[in-house]
Amino acid sequence: MADKYDKYRPHTLCLWKPSTSDRFRETTYQDAVEIKGRWFQGRHEYVDSEGKTQTAEHSAFVDQEVPLGSYLRKGKLSELDSESTNDPLNITGPLPSDAHKVVDFSSVWDFENVEFRSVSMT
């Protein structure tokens, strides 16, 4: 269902949320899902969990909470091969591009009591 804020989220993004660790203690990921957002390419600074200023390469406004350690990619699931839907680090398909790791998440409420969520990615 569309809402009046969809115009602020014109892009389709693929989201891989962390799931568990495998026997080698490597993170595994849930199958990718499509979410709505606005993708920004360009460097900006954010403060990491240790209070240090870091530089992110990309950011996005998204329509839901995104856990740290997740991966985001601008584009649709239909652009990915079936093997890529559960592995953001091995993307193949007709339009391969990198998925970017989420390193910061914040949310802000506007005057109409609507939450805007922002992520930063490396």
Protein backbone atom coordinates (compact mmCIF):
# COMPACT_ATOMS: atom_id res chain seq x y z
CA MET A 1 0.00 0.00 0.00
CA ALA A 2 1.40 3.34 -0.99
CA ASP A 3 1.59 6.18 1.46
CA LYS A 4 2.13 9.89 0.99
CA TYR A 5 5.84 9.48 1.76
CA ASP A 6 6.55 7.06 -1.11
CA LYS A 7 7.60 10.02 -3.25
CA TYR A 8 10.56 10.43 -0.89
CA ARG A 9 11.54 6.78 -1.39
CA PRO A 10 11.66 6.35 -5.19
CA HIS A 11 14.27 3.58 -5.32
CA THR A 12 13.99 -0.16 -4.87
CA LEU A 13 16.72 -1.59 -2.64
CA CYS A 14 17.73 -5.17 -1.87
CA LEU A 15 18.27 -5.84 1.84
CA TRP A 16 20.16 -8.78 3.34
CA LYS A 17 19.81 -8.99 7.14
CA PRO A 18 22.33 -10.98 9.18
CA SER A 19 20.98 -14.31 10.34
CA THR A 20 23.39 -16.61 12.19
CA SER A 21 27.00 -17.73 12.09
CA ASP A 22 28.10 -20.85 10.28
CA ARG A 23 30.53 -23.43 11.66
CA PHE A 24 33.45 -21.19 10.67
CA ARG A 25 31.93 -18.25 12.62
CA GLU A 26 31.18 -16.41 9.39
CA THR A 27 27.93 -14.46 9.30
CA THR A 28 25.16 -15.92 7.18
CA TYR A 29 22.34 -13.81 5.80
CA GLN A 30 18.61 -14.11 5.31
CA ASP A 31 17.39 -14.17 1.73
CA ALA A 32 17.28 -10.70 0.24
CA VAL A 33 14.03 -8.72 0.32
CA GLU A 34 13.05 -5.59 -1.56
CA ILE A 35 12.45 -2.41 0.40
CA LYS A 36 11.73 1.18 -0.65
CA GLY A 37 14.24 3.94 -0.08
CA ARG A 38 16.20 6.84 -1.47
CA TRP A 39 19.79 6.01 -2.34
CA PHE A 40 22.53 8.62 -2.05
CA GLN A 41 26.02 8.17 -3.41
CA GLY A 42 28.65 10.38 -1.92
CA ARG A 43 30.88 10.56 1.11
CA HIS A 44 29.69 11.77 4.47
CA GLU A 45 30.83 11.39 8.05
CA TYR A 46 29.16 9.45 10.84
CA VAL A 47 30.12 8.52 14.40
CA ASP A 48 30.73 4.80 14.96
CA SER A 49 29.87 2.76 18.07
CA GLU A 50 33.24 3.67 19.64
CA GLY A 51 32.63 7.40 19.21
CA LYS A 52 35.11 7.81 16.35
CA THR A 53 34.31 9.80 13.21
CA GLN A 54 34.29 7.58 10.12
CA THR A 55 33.55 8.18 6.44
CA ALA A 56 30.70 6.38 4.66
CA GLU A 57 30.59 6.04 0.88
CA HIS A 58 26.80 5.75 0.53
CA SER A 59 23.64 6.45 2.49
CA ALA A 60 19.92 5.81 2.11
CA PHE A 61 16.61 6.79 3.62
CA VAL A 62 14.65 3.57 4.12
CA ASP A 63 11.13 2.55 5.13
CA GLN A 64 12.06 0.19 7.97
CA GLU A 65 14.69 -0.50 10.62
CA VAL A 66 17.89 -2.00 9.25
CA PRO A 67 20.22 -3.87 11.64
CA LEU A 68 23.91 -2.98 11.66
CA GLY A 69 25.88 -5.52 9.66
CA SER A 70 23.13 -5.84 7.04
CA TYR A 71 23.86 -5.23 3.37
CA LEU A 72 21.99 -2.95 0.96
CA ARG A 73 22.15 -2.73 -2.81
CA LYS A 74 20.36 -0.33 -5.14
CA GLY A 75 18.28 -2.37 -7.55
CA LYS A 76 15.61 -5.07 -7.76
CA LEU A 77 15.75 -8.74 -6.80
CA SER A 78 14.88 -9.65 -10.38
CA GLU A 79 18.32 -8.31 -11.42
CA LEU A 80 20.07 -10.98 -9.31
CA ASP A 81 20.77 -14.63 -10.01
CA SER A 82 19.12 -17.03 -7.57
CA GLU A 83 22.46 -17.77 -5.87
CA SER A 84 22.88 -14.07 -5.04
CA THR A 85 19.66 -13.71 -3.08
CA ASN A 86 21.19 -15.25 0.06
CA ASP A 87 24.78 -14.00 -0.27
CA PRO A 88 25.36 -10.24 -0.48
CA LEU A 89 29.11 -10.79 -0.87
CA ASN A 90 28.74 -12.82 -4.09
CA ILE A 91 26.38 -10.91 -6.37
CA THR A 92 26.00 -12.10 -9.94
CA GLY A 93 23.40 -11.51 -12.60
CA PRO A 94 22.78 -9.38 -15.65
CA LEU A 95 23.42 -6.17 -13.69
CA PRO A 96 25.95 -7.05 -11.00
CA SER A 97 26.85 -4.38 -8.51
CA ASP A 98 28.16 -4.34 -5.01
CA ALA A 99 26.09 -4.60 -1.90
CA HIS A 100 27.25 -2.21 0.81
CA LYS A 101 27.56 -2.99 4.52
CA VAL A 102 25.37 -0.98 6.89
CA VAL A 103 27.60 0.66 9.50
CA ASP A 104 25.22 3.22 11.01
CA PHE A 105 21.47 3.51 11.52
CA SER A 106 19.47 6.44 12.85
CA SER A 107 15.87 7.54 12.91
CA VAL A 108 14.28 10.96 13.30
CA TRP A 109 10.64 11.90 13.84
CA ASP A 110 9.18 14.77 11.82
CA PHE A 111 6.47 17.24 12.84
CA GLU A 112 3.71 14.91 11.58
CA ASN A 113 4.99 12.11 13.86
CA VAL A 114 6.41 10.12 10.94
CA GLU A 115 9.70 8.32 11.44
CA PHE A 116 12.42 8.81 8.84
CA ARG A 117 15.17 6.19 8.96
CA SER A 118 18.66 6.66 7.60
CA VAL A 119 21.52 4.22 7.08
CA SER A 120 25.19 4.76 6.25
CA MET A 121 27.16 2.22 4.24
CA THR A 122 30.76 1.55 3.38
